Amino acid sequence: MSVLIKGMEMPKSNTMFTVTLRVRQDGTAEFISTSGKTVKSFPMFEVPTPHGRLIDADALQEEADSQPCFWKGAIDELMVRDAPTVIEAEVSE
């Protein structure tokens, strides 16, 4: 099982700072500063495993809709295969 922390962004620099991540039973993750105050809270979601690679289906559909009609059958399969991966495939442990 994996966990997605919704709304959290990866740091944009290599600046080091210490925070505590508290995972609450209600499905939220809280970042606690060294002074003990909650800095930010984010909802968390379980991502069941096993699963194949996860893609942005909405972006894929937009791309498919922009193609000429006569390409639909052949291009749809190719587009799914070549679609950018959002989360890599994961197997059960």
C-alpha atoms as a PDB file:
ATOM      1  CA  MET A   1       0.000   0.000   0.000  1.00  0.00           C
ATOM      2  CA  SER A   2       1.205   3.497  -0.799  1.00  0.00           C
ATOM      3  CA  VAL A   3      -0.041   6.856   0.425  1.00  0.00           C
ATOM      4  CA  LEU A   4      -0.652  10.021  -1.579  1.00  0.00           C
ATOM      5  CA  ILE A   5      -0.425  13.301   0.350  1.00  0.00           C
ATOM      6  CA  LYS A   6      -2.767  15.545  -1.622  1.00  0.00           C
ATOM      7  CA  GLY A   7      -1.668  19.147  -2.149  1.00  0.00           C
ATOM      8  CA  MET A   8       1.865  18.698  -0.822  1.00  0.00           C
ATOM      9  CA  GLU A   9       4.623  19.907  -3.113  1.00  0.00           C
ATOM     10  CA  MET A  10       8.194  18.696  -3.176  1.00  0.00           C
ATOM     11  CA  PRO A  11      10.737  21.262  -1.899  1.00  0.00           C
ATOM     12  CA  LYS A  12      12.084  23.514  -4.652  1.00  0.00           C
ATOM     13  CA  SER A  13      15.587  23.775  -3.173  1.00  0.00           C
ATOM     14  CA  ASN A  14      18.038  21.697  -1.202  1.00  0.00           C
ATOM     15  CA  THR A  15      17.480  23.801   1.916  1.00  0.00           C
ATOM     16  CA  MET A  16      17.375  21.523   4.942  1.00  0.00           C
ATOM     17  CA  PHE A  17      14.786  21.999   7.651  1.00  0.00           C
ATOM     18  CA  THR A  18      13.390  19.699  10.292  1.00  0.00           C
ATOM     19  CA  VAL A  19       9.692  19.005  10.681  1.00  0.00           C
ATOM     20  CA  THR A  20       7.727  16.127  12.078  1.00  0.00           C
ATOM     21  CA  LEU A  21       5.106  14.428   9.944  1.00  0.00           C
ATOM     22  CA  ARG A  22       2.120  13.325  12.029  1.00  0.00           C
ATOM     23  CA  VAL A  23      -0.256  10.890  10.348  1.00  0.00           C
ATOM     24  CA  ARG A  24      -3.670  11.185  11.927  1.00  0.00           C
ATOM     25  CA  GLN A  25      -6.338   8.495  12.061  1.00  0.00           C
ATOM     26  CA  ASP A  26      -8.763  10.808  10.208  1.00  0.00           C
ATOM     27  CA  GLY A  27      -6.618  10.514   7.054  1.00  0.00           C
ATOM     28  CA  THR A  28      -4.684  13.769   7.290  1.00  0.00           C
ATOM     29  CA  ALA A  29      -0.974  14.435   7.477  1.00  0.00           C
ATOM     30  CA  GLU A  30       0.209  17.313   9.635  1.00  0.00           C
ATOM     31  CA  PHE A  31       3.621  18.902   9.396  1.00  0.00           C
ATOM     32  CA  ILE A  32       4.741  20.002  12.844  1.00  0.00           C
ATOM     33  CA  SER A  33       7.491  22.637  13.249  1.00  0.00           C
ATOM     34  CA  THR A  34      10.335  22.231  15.732  1.00  0.00           C
ATOM     35  CA  SER A  35       8.387  24.558  18.071  1.00  0.00           C
ATOM     36  CA  GLY A  36       5.484  22.059  18.094  1.00  0.00           C
ATOM     37  CA  LYS A  37       3.023  24.087  16.020  1.00  0.00           C
ATOM     38  CA  THR A  38       1.152  22.592  13.059  1.00  0.00           C
ATOM     39  CA  VAL A  39       2.618  24.189   9.945  1.00  0.00           C
ATOM     40  CA  LYS A  40       0.218  22.705   7.449  1.00  0.00           C
ATOM     41  CA  SER A  41      -2.284  19.882   7.177  1.00  0.00           C
ATOM     42  CA  PHE A  42      -2.950  17.818   4.043  1.00  0.00           C
ATOM     43  CA  PRO A  43      -5.502  15.082   3.239  1.00  0.00           C
ATOM     44  CA  MET A  44      -4.013  11.648   2.590  1.00  0.00           C
ATOM     45  CA  PHE A  45      -5.306   8.806   0.434  1.00  0.00           C
ATOM     46  CA  GLU A  46      -4.302   5.174   0.222  1.00  0.00           C
ATOM     47  CA  VAL A  47      -3.253   3.961  -3.225  1.00  0.00           C
ATOM     48  CA  PRO A  48      -4.092   0.236  -3.322  1.00  0.00           C
ATOM     49  CA  THR A  49      -1.490  -2.187  -4.652  1.00  0.00           C
ATOM     50  CA  PRO A  50      -0.876  -3.913  -6.886  1.00  0.00           C
ATOM     51  CA  HIS A  51      -1.598  -1.409  -9.636  1.00  0.00           C
ATOM     52  CA  GLY A  52      -0.192  -0.657 -13.046  1.00  0.00           C
ATOM     53  CA  ARG A  53       1.263   2.708 -13.934  1.00  0.00           C
ATOM     54  CA  LEU A  54      -1.185   5.531 -13.355  1.00  0.00           C
ATOM     55  CA  ILE A  55      -1.620   8.142 -16.089  1.00  0.00           C
ATOM     56  CA  ASP A  56      -3.441  11.458 -16.441  1.00  0.00           C
ATOM     57  CA  ALA A  57      -6.518  10.153 -18.262  1.00  0.00           C
ATOM     58  CA  ASP A  58      -8.026  13.636 -18.696  1.00  0.00           C
ATOM     59  CA  ALA A  59      -4.922  14.927 -20.509  1.00  0.00           C
ATOM     60  CA  LEU A  60      -4.899  11.774 -22.625  1.00  0.00           C
ATOM     61  CA  GLN A  61      -8.562  12.266 -23.566  1.00  0.00           C
ATOM     62  CA  GLU A  62      -7.909  15.894 -24.548  1.00  0.00           C
ATOM     63  CA  GLU A  63      -5.072  14.763 -26.810  1.00  0.00           C
ATOM     64  CA  ALA A  64      -7.238  12.018 -28.359  1.00  0.00           C
ATOM     65  CA  ASP A  65     -10.097  14.486 -28.967  1.00  0.00           C
ATOM     66  CA  SER A  66      -7.733  16.816 -30.820  1.00  0.00           C
ATOM     67  CA  GLN A  67      -6.804  14.116 -33.359  1.00  0.00           C
ATOM     68  CA  PRO A  68      -8.573  13.740 -36.728  1.00  0.00           C
ATOM     69  CA  CYS A  69     -11.439  11.213 -36.661  1.00  0.00           C
ATOM     70  CA  PHE A  70      -9.779   8.728 -39.016  1.00  0.00           C
ATOM     71  CA  TRP A  71      -6.929   8.199 -36.490  1.00  0.00           C
ATOM     72  CA  LYS A  72      -9.191   7.308 -33.558  1.00  0.00           C
ATOM     73  CA  GLY A  73      -8.899   3.509 -33.536  1.00  0.00           C
ATOM     74  CA  ALA A  74      -5.155   3.187 -34.052  1.00  0.00           C
ATOM     75  CA  ILE A  75      -4.035   6.271 -32.180  1.00  0.00           C
ATOM     76  CA  ASP A  76      -5.949   5.585 -28.949  1.00  0.00           C
ATOM     77  CA  GLU A  77      -3.943   2.427 -28.212  1.00  0.00           C
ATOM     78  CA  LEU A  78      -0.642   4.136 -29.024  1.00  0.00           C
ATOM     79  CA  MET A  79      -1.494   7.151 -26.891  1.00  0.00           C
ATOM     80  CA  VAL A  80      -2.232   5.041 -23.814  1.00  0.00           C
ATOM     81  CA  ARG A  81       1.071   3.222 -24.218  1.00  0.00           C
ATOM     82  CA  ASP A  82       3.003   6.499 -24.618  1.00  0.00           C
ATOM     83  CA  ALA A  83       1.057   8.564 -22.061  1.00  0.00           C
ATOM     84  CA  PRO A  84       3.246  10.173 -19.381  1.00  0.00           C
ATOM     85  CA  THR A  85       3.279   8.224 -16.122  1.00  0.00           C
ATOM     86  CA  VAL A  86       2.029  10.078 -13.041  1.00  0.00           C
ATOM     87  CA  ILE A  87       2.745   7.243 -10.555  1.00  0.00           C
ATOM     88  CA  GLU A  88       4.886   4.213 -11.439  1.00  0.00           C
ATOM     89  CA  ALA A  89       3.446   0.699 -11.311  1.00  0.00           C
ATOM     90  CA  GLU A  90       3.681  -0.978  -7.924  1.00  0.00           C
ATOM     91  CA  VAL A  91       3.406  -4.625  -6.920  1.00  0.00           C
ATOM     92  CA  SER A  92       2.172  -6.054  -3.621  1.00  0.00           C
ATOM     93  CA  GLU A  93       4.825  -6.729  -1.022  1.00  0.00           C
END
